C-alpha atoms as a PDB file:
ATOM      1  CA  MET A   1      -7.189 -38.412 -24.937  1.00  0.00           C
ATOM      2  CA  SER A   2      -7.737 -35.389 -22.341  1.00  0.00           C
ATOM      3  CA  GLN A   3      -6.052 -32.188 -22.342  1.00  0.00           C
ATOM      4  CA  VAL A   4      -4.863 -29.663 -19.819  1.00  0.00           C
ATOM      5  CA  HIS A   5      -4.990 -25.910 -20.171  1.00  0.00           C
ATOM      6  CA  VAL A   6      -1.845 -24.343 -19.068  1.00  0.00           C
ATOM      7  CA  LEU A   7       0.003 -21.044 -19.013  1.00  0.00           C
ATOM      8  CA  LEU A   8       3.529 -21.157 -20.367  1.00  0.00           C
ATOM      9  CA  LEU A   9       5.851 -18.594 -18.975  1.00  0.00           C
ATOM     10  CA  GLY A  10       8.960 -18.030 -21.575  1.00  0.00           C
ATOM     11  CA  PRO A  11      11.991 -15.900 -21.596  1.00  0.00           C
ATOM     12  CA  GLU A  12      11.689 -12.098 -22.062  1.00  0.00           C
ATOM     13  CA  GLY A  13       8.485 -11.850 -20.491  1.00  0.00           C
ATOM     14  CA  ALA A  14       6.569 -14.428 -23.242  1.00  0.00           C
ATOM     15  CA  PHE A  15       3.334 -16.356 -21.757  1.00  0.00           C
ATOM     16  CA  ALA A  16       0.768 -18.071 -23.756  1.00  0.00           C
ATOM     17  CA  SER A  17      -2.413 -20.326 -22.397  1.00  0.00           C
ATOM     18  CA  VAL A  18      -2.174 -23.923 -24.218  1.00  0.00           C
ATOM     19  CA  ALA A  19      -3.782 -27.074 -24.407  1.00  0.00           C
ATOM     20  CA  LEU A  20      -1.650 -29.691 -23.724  1.00  0.00           C
ATOM     21  CA  SER A  21      -2.578 -33.792 -23.912  1.00  0.00           C
ATOM     22  CA  ASP A  22      -2.280 -35.187 -20.249  1.00  0.00           C
ATOM     23  CA  ASP A  23      -1.482 -38.384 -21.544  1.00  0.00           C
ATOM     24  CA  ILE A  24       2.085 -38.022 -23.038  1.00  0.00           C
ATOM     25  CA  SER A  25       4.944 -36.254 -22.117  1.00  0.00           C
ATOM     26  CA  PHE A  26       6.741 -32.937 -22.062  1.00  0.00           C
ATOM     27  CA  SER A  27       8.893 -33.667 -24.678  1.00  0.00           C
ATOM     28  CA  ALA A  28       6.366 -35.276 -27.297  1.00  0.00           C
ATOM     29  CA  GLN A  29       4.640 -31.944 -27.428  1.00  0.00           C
ATOM     30  CA  ARG A  30       7.914 -29.937 -27.983  1.00  0.00           C
ATOM     31  CA  GLU A  31       6.545 -28.570 -31.177  1.00  0.00           C
ATOM     32  CA  THR A  32       3.150 -26.918 -29.508  1.00  0.00           C
ATOM     33  CA  ILE A  33       5.133 -25.003 -26.560  1.00  0.00           C
ATOM     34  CA  ALA A  34       7.981 -23.528 -28.745  1.00  0.00           C
ATOM     35  CA  ARG A  35       5.751 -22.107 -30.972  1.00  0.00           C
ATOM     36  CA  ALA A  36       3.503 -20.829 -28.674  1.00  0.00           C
ATOM     37  CA  LEU A  37       6.589 -18.876 -27.209  1.00  0.00           C
ATOM     38  CA  ASN A  38       8.217 -17.989 -29.982  1.00  0.00           C
ATOM     39  CA  LEU A  39      10.905 -19.967 -28.980  1.00  0.00           C
ATOM     40  CA  PRO A  40      14.747 -20.689 -31.097  1.00  0.00           C
ATOM     41  CA  ASP A  41      14.942 -23.547 -32.583  1.00  0.00           C
ATOM     42  CA  GLY A  42      17.493 -26.460 -31.760  1.00  0.00           C
ATOM     43  CA  ARG A  43      17.860 -24.893 -27.922  1.00  0.00           C
ATOM     44  CA  ASP A  44      17.805 -27.358 -24.955  1.00  0.00           C
ATOM     45  CA  LEU A  45      15.346 -26.369 -22.688  1.00  0.00           C
ATOM     46  CA  THR A  46      14.262 -26.481 -18.444  1.00  0.00           C
ATOM     47  CA  ILE A  47      10.718 -27.161 -17.580  1.00  0.00           C
ATOM     48  CA  ARG A  48       9.759 -26.341 -14.121  1.00  0.00           C
ATOM     49  CA  LYS A  49       6.513 -25.655 -12.257  1.00  0.00           C
ATOM     50  CA  ASP A  50       6.084 -22.448 -10.780  1.00  0.00           C
ATOM     51  CA  ASP A  51       7.810 -22.912  -7.450  1.00  0.00           C
ATOM     52  CA  GLY A  52      11.173 -23.829  -9.497  1.00  0.00           C
ATOM     53  CA  SER A  53      11.399 -27.879  -9.273  1.00  0.00           C
ATOM     54  CA  PRO A  54      11.807 -29.475 -12.346  1.00  0.00           C
ATOM     55  CA  LEU A  55       9.740 -31.694 -14.247  1.00  0.00           C
ATOM     56  CA  ASP A  56      10.775 -34.707 -15.923  1.00  0.00           C
ATOM     57  CA  GLN A  57       9.950 -33.986 -19.540  1.00  0.00           C
ATOM     58  CA  GLY A  58       9.745 -37.887 -20.755  1.00  0.00           C
ATOM     59  CA  ARG A  59       6.904 -38.468 -18.400  1.00  0.00           C
ATOM     60  CA  PRO A  60       3.000 -38.021 -18.991  1.00  0.00           C
ATOM     61  CA  LEU A  61       2.069 -34.784 -17.804  1.00  0.00           C
ATOM     62  CA  ALA A  62      -0.722 -36.704 -15.939  1.00  0.00           C
ATOM     63  CA  ASN A  63       1.660 -38.681 -14.343  1.00  0.00           C
ATOM     64  CA  MET A  64       3.440 -35.284 -12.526  1.00  0.00           C
ATOM     65  CA  GLY A  65       0.689 -33.832 -10.915  1.00  0.00           C
ATOM     66  CA  VAL A  66       0.387 -31.130 -13.881  1.00  0.00           C
ATOM     67  CA  ARG A  67      -3.237 -29.477 -13.982  1.00  0.00           C
ATOM     68  CA  SER A  68      -5.175 -27.064 -15.275  1.00  0.00           C
ATOM     69  CA  ASP A  69      -4.541 -23.662 -14.918  1.00  0.00           C
ATOM     70  CA  ASP A  70      -1.076 -24.450 -13.308  1.00  0.00           C
ATOM     71  CA  ARG A  71       1.776 -22.081 -14.584  1.00  0.00           C
ATOM     72  CA  ILE A  72       5.036 -24.138 -16.310  1.00  0.00           C
ATOM     73  CA  LEU A  73       8.072 -22.026 -16.527  1.00  0.00           C
ATOM     74  CA  ILE A  74       9.988 -22.939 -19.644  1.00  0.00           C
ATOM     75  CA  GLU A  75      13.817 -22.235 -20.043  1.00  0.00           C
ATOM     76  CA  VAL A  76      16.019 -22.125 -22.614  1.00  0.00           C
ATOM     77  CA  ARG A  77      19.317 -23.298 -21.400  1.00  0.00           C
ATOM     78  CA  ASN A  78      22.497 -21.735 -22.658  1.00  0.00           C
ATOM     79  CA  ASN A  79      24.044 -25.256 -24.251  1.00  0.00           C
ATOM     80  CA  SER A  80      22.842 -26.961 -26.953  1.00  0.00           C
ATOM     81  CA  ARG A  81      22.358 -30.449 -28.200  1.00  0.00           C
ATOM     82  CA  SER A  82      21.542 -32.599 -30.622  1.00  0.00           C
ATOM     83  CA  GLY A  83      18.890 -35.193 -30.581  1.00  0.00           C
ATOM     84  CA  PHE A  84      15.260 -36.028 -29.276  1.00  0.00           C
ATOM     85  CA  LEU A  85      16.302 -35.376 -25.449  1.00  0.00           C
ATOM     86  CA  GLY A  86      18.854 -33.035 -25.936  1.00  0.00           C
ATOM     87  CA  ARG A  87      16.240 -30.350 -26.959  1.00  0.00           C
ATOM     88  CA  PHE A  88      14.468 -30.767 -23.854  1.00  0.00           C
ATOM     89  CA  GLY A  89      16.996 -31.785 -21.126  1.00  0.00           C
ATOM     90  CA  ARG A  90      17.440 -35.322 -20.170  1.00  0.00           C
ATOM     91  CA  ARG A  91      16.469 -36.890 -16.536  1.00  0.00           C
ATOM     92  CA  GLY A  92      18.287 -35.339 -13.664  1.00  0.00           C
ATOM     93  CA  GLU A  93      20.348 -32.694 -15.417  1.00  0.00           C
ATOM     94  CA  GLU A  94      20.539 -29.509 -13.474  1.00  0.00           C
ATOM     95  CA  PRO A  95      19.691 -26.408 -14.856  1.00  0.00           C
ATOM     96  CA  ASP A  96      21.399 -23.208 -15.987  1.00  0.00           C
ATOM     97  CA  THR A  97      20.091 -21.644 -13.325  1.00  0.00           C
ATOM     98  CA  PRO A  98      19.876 -23.424 -10.175  1.00  0.00           C
ATOM     99  CA  VAL A  99      16.746 -23.330  -8.137  1.00  0.00           C
ATOM    100  CA  VAL A 100      15.752 -24.608  -4.704  1.00  0.00           C
ATOM    101  CA  PRO A 101      12.067 -25.406  -5.058  1.00  0.00           C
ATOM    102  CA  SER A 102      10.290 -23.231  -3.062  1.00  0.00           C
ATOM    103  CA  ALA A 103       6.836 -21.490  -1.784  1.00  0.00           C
ATOM    104  CA  TYR A 104       8.819 -17.954  -1.059  1.00  0.00           C
ATOM    105  CA  ARG A 105       6.257 -15.357  -1.884  1.00  0.00           C
ATOM    106  CA  VAL A 106       7.214 -11.858  -2.655  1.00  0.00           C
ATOM    107  CA  LEU A 107       5.040  -8.407  -3.284  1.00  0.00           C
ATOM    108  CA  PRO A 108       5.960  -6.868  -6.675  1.00  0.00           C
ATOM    109  CA  CYS A 109       5.526  -3.096  -6.506  1.00  0.00           C
ATOM    110  CA  TYR A 110       5.832  -0.289  -8.635  1.00  0.00           C
ATOM    111  CA  LEU A 111       5.625   3.030  -8.557  1.00  0.00           C
ATOM    112  CA  ALA A 112       4.846   4.854 -11.509  1.00  0.00           C
ATOM    113  CA  VAL A 113       5.532   8.643 -11.362  1.00  0.00           C
ATOM    114  CA  ASP A 114       4.928  11.318 -13.982  1.00  0.00           C
ATOM    115  CA  THR A 115       8.051  12.920 -14.417  1.00  0.00           C
ATOM    116  CA  SER A 116       6.729  15.901 -17.453  1.00  0.00           C
ATOM    117  CA  ALA A 117       7.732  19.537 -17.346  1.00  0.00           C
ATOM    118  CA  SER A 118       4.690  20.110 -15.068  1.00  0.00           C
ATOM    119  CA  MET A 119       6.630  18.292 -12.005  1.00  0.00           C
ATOM    120  CA  ALA A 120       9.237  20.175 -12.192  1.00  0.00           C
ATOM    121  CA  GLY A 121      10.434  22.163  -9.062  1.00  0.00           C
ATOM    122  CA  ASP A 122       8.594  21.558  -5.683  1.00  0.00           C
ATOM    123  CA  PRO A 123       6.857  18.098  -6.971  1.00  0.00           C
ATOM    124  CA  ILE A 124       9.573  16.345  -8.125  1.00  0.00           C
ATOM    125  CA  ILE A 125      12.151  17.482  -5.462  1.00  0.00           C
ATOM    126  CA  ARG A 126       9.743  15.944  -2.701  1.00  0.00           C
ATOM    127  CA  VAL A 127       9.406  12.878  -4.528  1.00  0.00           C
ATOM    128  CA  ASN A 128      12.877  12.466  -4.663  1.00  0.00           C
ATOM    129  CA  GLN A 129      13.047  13.613  -0.958  1.00  0.00           C
ATOM    130  CA  GLU A 130      10.655  10.993  -0.034  1.00  0.00           C
ATOM    131  CA  LEU A 131      11.538   7.918  -1.649  1.00  0.00           C
ATOM    132  CA  PRO A 132      14.854   7.383   0.201  1.00  0.00           C
ATOM    133  CA  ARG A 133      12.743   7.719   3.240  1.00  0.00           C
ATOM    134  CA  LEU A 134       9.927   5.125   2.343  1.00  0.00           C
ATOM    135  CA  ARG A 135      12.978   2.680   1.876  1.00  0.00           C
ATOM    136  CA  ALA A 136      14.576   3.468   5.076  1.00  0.00           C
ATOM    137  CA  LYS A 137      10.557   3.074   6.934  1.00  0.00           C
ATOM    138  CA  MET A 138      10.108  -0.210   5.002  1.00  0.00           C
ATOM    139  CA  LEU A 139      14.070  -1.873   6.060  1.00  0.00           C
ATOM    140  CA  ARG A 140      12.667  -1.304   9.807  1.00  0.00           C
ATOM    141  CA  GLU A 141      10.050  -3.430   8.919  1.00  0.00           C
ATOM    142  CA  PRO A 142      11.258  -6.529   8.243  1.00  0.00           C
ATOM    143  CA  GLU A 143       8.071  -8.555   7.070  1.00  0.00           C
ATOM    144  CA  LEU A 144       7.983  -5.649   4.516  1.00  0.00           C
ATOM    145  CA  ALA A 145      11.933  -5.874   3.739  1.00  0.00           C
ATOM    146  CA  GLU A 146      11.685  -9.720   3.115  1.00  0.00           C
ATOM    147  CA  VAL A 147       8.478  -9.812   0.956  1.00  0.00           C
ATOM    148  CA  CYS A 148       7.814  -6.393  -0.940  1.00  0.00           C
ATOM    149  CA  GLN A 149      10.206  -5.815  -4.096  1.00  0.00           C
ATOM    150  CA  LEU A 150       9.987  -2.624  -5.360  1.00  0.00           C
ATOM    151  CA  SER A 151      10.588  -0.673  -8.803  1.00  0.00           C
ATOM    152  CA  VAL A 152      10.453   2.891 -10.049  1.00  0.00           C
ATOM    153  CA  VAL A 153       8.626   3.761 -13.288  1.00  0.00           C
ATOM    154  CA  ALA A 154       9.197   7.265 -14.530  1.00  0.00           C
ATOM    155  CA  PHE A 155       6.897   8.903 -17.422  1.00  0.00           C
ATOM    156  CA  GLU A 156       6.233  11.759 -19.716  1.00  0.00           C
ATOM    157  CA  GLU A 157       6.182  11.593 -23.303  1.00  0.00           C
ATOM    158  CA  THR A 158       8.146   8.360 -22.726  1.00  0.00           C
ATOM    159  CA  ALA A 159       8.270   6.020 -20.238  1.00  0.00           C
ATOM    160  CA  VAL A 160      11.204   4.264 -18.678  1.00  0.00           C
ATOM    161  CA  VAL A 161      12.450   1.778 -15.908  1.00  0.00           C
ATOM    162  CA  HIS A 162      13.832   4.213 -13.411  1.00  0.00           C
ATOM    163  CA  ALA A 163      14.879   1.445 -10.990  1.00  0.00           C
ATOM    164  CA  PRO A 164      14.650  -1.831 -11.521  1.00  0.00           C
ATOM    165  CA  LEU A 165      12.389  -4.544  -9.437  1.00  0.00           C
ATOM    166  CA  THR A 166      14.640  -5.572  -6.499  1.00  0.00           C
ATOM    167  CA  ASP A 167      14.911  -6.398  -2.871  1.00  0.00           C
ATOM    168  CA  VAL A 168      14.328  -2.944  -0.787  1.00  0.00           C
ATOM    169  CA  ALA A 169      18.114  -3.773   0.407  1.00  0.00           C
ATOM    170  CA  GLN A 170      19.402  -3.677  -2.361  1.00  0.00           C
ATOM    171  CA  MET A 171      17.894  -0.677  -4.422  1.00  0.00           C
ATOM    172  CA  GLU A 172      19.348   2.335  -5.465  1.00  0.00           C
ATOM    173  CA  LEU A 173      17.649   5.626  -6.318  1.00  0.00           C
ATOM    174  CA  PRO A 174      18.679   7.805  -8.838  1.00  0.00           C
ATOM    175  CA  GLY A 175      17.067  11.078  -8.280  1.00  0.00           C
ATOM    176  CA  LEU A 176      14.035  11.678 -10.556  1.00  0.00           C
ATOM    177  CA  THR A 177      14.516  15.008 -13.449  1.00  0.00           C
ATOM    178  CA  ALA A 178      11.098  16.508 -14.407  1.00  0.00           C
ATOM    179  CA  ASP A 179      11.815  18.115 -18.038  1.00  0.00           C
ATOM    180  CA  GLY A 180       9.738  15.681 -19.897  1.00  0.00           C
ATOM    181  CA  THR A 181       8.072  17.467 -23.109  1.00  0.00           C
ATOM    182  CA  GLY A 182       4.341  15.557 -22.703  1.00  0.00           C
ATOM    183  CA  THR A 183       2.467  13.347 -20.738  1.00  0.00           C
ATOM    184  CA  ASN A 184       1.785   9.913 -22.084  1.00  0.00           C
ATOM    185  CA  TYR A 185      -0.290   7.640 -20.165  1.00  0.00           C
ATOM    186  CA  ALA A 186      -0.441   4.888 -23.277  1.00  0.00           C
ATOM    187  CA  HIS A 187       3.357   4.470 -22.746  1.00  0.00           C
ATOM    188  CA  VAL A 188       3.765   4.064 -19.506  1.00  0.00           C
ATOM    189  CA  PHE A 189       0.588   1.286 -19.452  1.00  0.00           C
ATOM    190  CA  SER A 190       2.434  -0.414 -22.309  1.00  0.00           C
ATOM    191  CA  LEU A 191       6.085  -0.709 -20.596  1.00  0.00           C
ATOM    192  CA  LEU A 192       4.065  -1.829 -17.744  1.00  0.00           C
ATOM    193  CA  ARG A 193       2.800  -4.618 -18.973  1.00  0.00           C
ATOM    194  CA  SER A 194       6.028  -5.653 -20.749  1.00  0.00           C
ATOM    195  CA  THR A 195       8.476  -4.853 -17.277  1.00  0.00           C
ATOM    196  CA  ILE A 196       5.840  -6.850 -15.174  1.00  0.00           C
ATOM    197  CA  ALA A 197       5.811 -10.106 -17.357  1.00  0.00           C
ATOM    198  CA  ARG A 198       9.578 -10.076 -17.385  1.00  0.00           C
ATOM    199  CA  ASP A 199       9.706  -9.738 -13.757  1.00  0.00           C
ATOM    200  CA  LEU A 200       7.418 -12.535 -12.753  1.00  0.00           C
ATOM    201  CA  TYR A 201       9.130 -14.730 -15.304  1.00  0.00           C
ATOM    202  CA  GLU A 202      12.318 -13.842 -13.366  1.00  0.00           C
ATOM    203  CA  LEU A 203      10.894 -14.083  -9.926  1.00  0.00           C
ATOM    204  CA  TYR A 204       9.767 -17.633 -10.733  1.00  0.00           C
ATOM    205  CA  ARG A 205      13.158 -18.427 -12.075  1.00  0.00           C
ATOM    206  CA  SER A 206      14.449 -17.764  -8.911  1.00  0.00           C
ATOM    207  CA  GLY A 207      12.051 -20.013  -7.230  1.00  0.00           C
ATOM    208  CA  ARG A 208       9.797 -17.509  -5.775  1.00  0.00           C
ATOM    209  CA  ARG A 209       6.048 -16.989  -5.946  1.00  0.00           C
ATOM    210  CA  PRO A 210       4.563 -13.682  -6.445  1.00  0.00           C
ATOM    211  CA  TYR A 211       1.708 -12.294  -5.213  1.00  0.00           C
ATOM    212  CA  ARG A 212      -0.621 -10.007  -8.024  1.00  0.00           C
ATOM    213  CA  PRO A 213       1.643  -7.154  -8.515  1.00  0.00           C
ATOM    214  CA  VAL A 214       0.687  -3.495  -7.317  1.00  0.00           C
ATOM    215  CA  VAL A 215       0.865  -0.513  -9.180  1.00  0.00           C
ATOM    216  CA  PHE A 216       1.341   3.117  -7.170  1.00  0.00           C
ATOM    217  CA  PHE A 217       0.298   5.634  -9.966  1.00  0.00           C
ATOM    218  CA  LEU A 218       1.270   9.030  -9.263  1.00  0.00           C
ATOM    219  CA  SER A 219       0.685  11.903 -12.359  1.00  0.00           C
ATOM    220  CA  ASP A 220      -0.230  16.050 -12.041  1.00  0.00           C
ATOM    221  CA  GLY A 221      -1.180  16.400 -15.246  1.00  0.00           C
ATOM    222  CA  GLN A 222      -3.479  15.223 -18.065  1.00  0.00           C
ATOM    223  CA  HIS A 223      -2.900  12.554 -21.254  1.00  0.00           C
ATOM    224  CA  ASN A 224      -2.013  14.881 -24.188  1.00  0.00           C
ATOM    225  CA  ARG A 225      -0.990  12.616 -26.552  1.00  0.00           C
ATOM    226  CA  PRO A 226      -3.091  11.041 -29.330  1.00  0.00           C
ATOM    227  CA  ASP A 227      -2.010   7.640 -28.418  1.00  0.00           C
ATOM    228  CA  ASP A 228      -4.896   5.701 -26.913  1.00  0.00           C
ATOM    229  CA  TRP A 229      -4.368   5.052 -23.427  1.00  0.00           C
ATOM    230  CA  ARG A 230      -7.443   3.300 -22.052  1.00  0.00           C
ATOM    231  CA  GLU A 231      -6.703   0.297 -24.711  1.00  0.00           C
ATOM    232  CA  THR A 232      -3.635  -0.307 -23.081  1.00  0.00           C
ATOM    233  CA  LEU A 233      -4.631   0.042 -19.758  1.00  0.00           C
ATOM    234  CA  GLY A 234      -6.880  -2.338 -20.877  1.00  0.00           C
ATOM    235  CA  ARG A 235      -4.145  -4.574 -21.825  1.00  0.00           C
ATOM    236  CA  LEU A 236      -2.307  -4.266 -18.799  1.00  0.00           C
ATOM    237  CA  THR A 237      -5.173  -4.896 -16.201  1.00  0.00           C
ATOM    238  CA  ASP A 238      -7.530  -7.576 -18.003  1.00  0.00           C
ATOM    239  CA  ARG A 239      -6.984 -10.483 -16.088  1.00  0.00           C
ATOM    240  CA  SER A 240      -8.424 -12.901 -18.390  1.00  0.00           C
ATOM    241  CA  GLU A 241      -5.509 -11.623 -20.970  1.00  0.00           C
ATOM    242  CA  PHE A 242      -2.658 -10.803 -19.056  1.00  0.00           C
ATOM    243  CA  TYR A 243      -2.162 -13.171 -15.979  1.00  0.00           C
ATOM    244  CA  GLY A 244       0.225 -10.853 -14.228  1.00  0.00           C
ATOM    245  CA  ALA A 245      -2.312  -7.658 -13.920  1.00  0.00           C
ATOM    246  CA  PRO A 246      -1.896  -5.399 -11.475  1.00  0.00           C
ATOM    247  CA  ALA A 247      -3.806  -3.671  -8.530  1.00  0.00           C
ATOM    248  CA  ILE A 248      -3.374  -0.288  -9.662  1.00  0.00           C
ATOM    249  CA  VAL A 249      -3.725   2.678  -6.844  1.00  0.00           C
ATOM    250  CA  ALA A 250      -3.537   6.188  -8.684  1.00  0.00           C
ATOM    251  CA  PHE A 251      -3.415   9.392  -7.457  1.00  0.00           C
ATOM    252  CA  GLY A 252      -3.718  12.749  -9.279  1.00  0.00           C
ATOM    253  CA  PHE A 253      -3.327  16.037  -8.790  1.00  0.00           C
ATOM    254  CA  GLY A 254      -2.590  19.294 -10.099  1.00  0.00           C
ATOM    255  CA  GLU A 255      -4.185  19.757 -13.777  1.00  0.00           C
ATOM    256  CA  ALA A 256      -5.194  15.928 -13.387  1.00  0.00           C
ATOM    257  CA  ASP A 257      -8.186  15.197 -14.283  1.00  0.00           C
ATOM    258  CA  PRO A 258     -10.232  13.115 -11.502  1.00  0.00           C
ATOM    259  CA  GLU A 259     -12.286  11.114 -14.039  1.00  0.00           C
ATOM    260  CA  THR A 260      -9.416  10.242 -15.628  1.00  0.00           C
ATOM    261  CA  ILE A 261      -7.428   9.255 -12.441  1.00  0.00           C
ATOM    262  CA  ARG A 262     -10.730   7.468 -11.404  1.00  0.00           C
ATOM    263  CA  GLU A 263     -10.199   5.423 -14.830  1.00  0.00           C
ATOM    264  CA  VAL A 264      -6.439   4.565 -14.078  1.00  0.00           C
ATOM    265  CA  GLY A 265      -6.754   3.733 -10.399  1.00  0.00           C
ATOM    266  CA  LEU A 266      -9.024   0.346 -10.785  1.00  0.00           C
ATOM    267  CA  LYS A 267      -8.489  -0.634  -7.483  1.00  0.00           C
ATOM    268  CA  ALA A 268      -8.432   2.988  -5.858  1.00  0.00           C
ATOM    269  CA  SER A 269      -8.140   6.555  -6.769  1.00  0.00           C
ATOM    270  CA  TYR A 270      -7.348  10.174  -4.786  1.00  0.00           C
ATOM    271  CA  MET A 271      -7.332  13.288  -5.590  1.00  0.00           C
ATOM    272  CA  PRO A 272      -6.187  16.294  -3.244  1.00  0.00           C
ATOM    273  CA  ASP A 273      -9.052  17.344  -0.125  1.00  0.00           C
ATOM    274  CA  ASP A 274     -10.436  20.525  -1.394  1.00  0.00           C
ATOM    275  CA  GLY A 275      -8.767  23.343  -0.273  1.00  0.00           C
ATOM    276  CA  THR A 276      -5.466  21.562   0.007  1.00  0.00           C
ATOM    277  CA  PRO A 277      -2.861  23.806  -2.226  1.00  0.00           C
ATOM    278  CA  SER A 278      -0.629  20.853  -3.845  1.00  0.00           C
ATOM    279  CA  ALA A 279       0.042  17.284  -3.287  1.00  0.00           C
ATOM    280  CA  LYS A 280       1.015  16.364   0.095  1.00  0.00           C
ATOM    281  CA  LEU A 281       3.085  13.759  -0.767  1.00  0.00           C
ATOM    282  CA  ASP A 282       5.008  12.944   2.429  1.00  0.00           C
ATOM    283  CA  THR A 283       1.400  11.256   3.016  1.00  0.00           C
ATOM    284  CA  PHE A 284       1.467   9.802  -0.153  1.00  0.00           C
ATOM    285  CA  MET A 285       4.247   7.538   0.892  1.00  0.00           C
ATOM    286  CA  THR A 286       3.199   6.867   4.090  1.00  0.00           C
ATOM    287  CA  PHE A 287      -0.445   5.698   2.581  1.00  0.00           C
ATOM    288  CA  LEU A 288       2.147   3.662   0.454  1.00  0.00           C
ATOM    289  CA  LEU A 289       3.804   2.118   3.123  1.00  0.00           C
ATOM    290  CA  SER A 290       0.754   1.383   5.231  1.00  0.00           C
ATOM    291  CA  SER A 291      -1.429   0.030   2.623  1.00  0.00           C
ATOM    292  CA  LEU A 292       1.699  -2.846   2.037  1.00  0.00           C
ATOM    293  CA  THR A 293       2.111  -3.220   5.747  1.00  0.00           C
ATOM    294  CA  ASN A 294      -1.549  -4.207   5.896  1.00  0.00           C
ATOM    295  CA  SER A 295      -1.540  -6.375   3.198  1.00  0.00           C
ATOM    296  CA  MET A 296       1.473  -7.954   4.732  1.00  0.00           C
ATOM    297  CA  ALA A 297      -0.393  -8.337   8.109  1.00  0.00           C
ATOM    298  CA  GLY A 298      -3.749  -9.606   6.480  1.00  0.00           C
ATOM    299  CA  GLY A 299      -2.459 -11.470   3.205  1.00  0.00           C
ATOM    300  CA  SER A 300      -2.487 -15.595   3.033  1.00  0.00           C
ATOM    301  CA  ARG A 301       0.746 -17.370   1.717  1.00  0.00           C
ATOM    302  CA  ASP A 302      -2.212 -19.213  -0.663  1.00  0.00           C
ATOM    303  CA  ARG A 303      -4.129 -16.250  -2.377  1.00  0.00           C
ATOM    304  CA  ASP A 304      -2.495 -14.257  -5.131  1.00  0.00           C
ATOM    305  CA  ASP A 305      -4.182 -11.266  -4.670  1.00  0.00           C
ATOM    306  CA  VAL A 306      -3.123  -9.735  -1.399  1.00  0.00           C
ATOM    307  CA  PHE A 307      -3.267  -6.306  -1.599  1.00  0.00           C
ATOM    308  CA  VAL A 308      -5.652  -4.181   0.921  1.00  0.00           C
ATOM    309  CA  VAL A 309      -6.781  -0.624   0.605  1.00  0.00           C
ATOM    310  CA  PRO A 310      -6.475   1.238   3.891  1.00  0.00           C
ATOM    311  CA  PRO A 311     -10.004   2.150   5.045  1.00  0.00           C
ATOM    312  CA  SER A 312      -9.234   6.236   5.331  1.00  0.00           C
ATOM    313  CA  ALA A 313      -7.615   8.277   2.637  1.00  0.00           C
ATOM    314  CA  PRO A 314      -4.088   9.885   3.446  1.00  0.00           C
ATOM    315  CA  ALA A 315      -4.432  13.225   5.109  1.00  0.00           C
ATOM    316  CA  GLY A 316      -4.688  15.794   2.519  1.00  0.00           C
ATOM    317  CA  TRP A 317      -6.329  13.451  -0.334  1.00  0.00           C
ATOM    318  CA  ARG A 318      -9.746  12.474  -0.698  1.00  0.00           C
ATOM    319  CA  ALA A 319     -11.045   9.009  -2.139  1.00  0.00           C
ATOM    320  CA  ILE A 320     -12.777   9.325  -5.226  1.00  0.00           C
ATOM    321  CA  LYS A 321     -13.133   5.387  -5.753  1.00  0.00           C
ATOM    322  CA  ILE A 322     -12.052   2.117  -3.626  1.00  0.00           C
ATOM    323  CA  GLN A 323     -12.708  -1.316  -4.713  1.00  0.00           C
ATOM    324  CA  ARG A 324     -13.121  -3.543  -1.771  1.00  0.00           C
END
């Protein structure tokens, strides 16, 4: 009996790597699947490939071309039936969420912004000014508007999804406020991990295939809470543990520690040029846009990791680390 090692993607961003026998059906291995994802008993499930196409749960995995390292999408159906086949659906049934199998690819982008009190005044005003301009510029570039989805995450003592991941054309940008009492990097890294996992699941459910996500991190302060931010950063970025581990580009200014920013920005990290009195947030946004444009121009639909760091730092900033 041979096995395939697949990644199961479940509701609410749950995921698990499991070994399944390839000469028997999914339905015969339902307990393994349900236990791995903590799924409720007695509910119908839909099982799909990562392009959204449904799998016949009564056939052996090998007969459907399921291979090791495949990503298998598990969806809990709203209805419930009794019986062996009822739990895992019947051949020919339509899932609750209609999906047209597709190779349509999207790049999930997250802008993580420090909103602690030190960002009050000019810094947060300029962030709020630049975000609508960024959106407008992305809409003028059809390839970006079609492929990139954008989310804004705000963090201080706590962290919150300020604008959920969505198509640029549909994005709403309520203003950010900087009134947090502290800066906790651990909370934002933990929130990013859970949010990315849920977002990727929903993208797969809609028939889209996401590229590796990218996070643009902006902070003017230092982590000043007892939580271990390095541990949560590791859980977010370890690609052997988290299939959605993002590329992170970090920008620090003000009281931010360059060594900390270097650690956070695993893909690239930047601090203001010597002699620059404050962060040039307009060029930060221009950099964000150009990096996405370059990534889409040179990216391959067959590669997951398409993000490309521009060769030059944005005006008013200096690179302290770049990973090519």
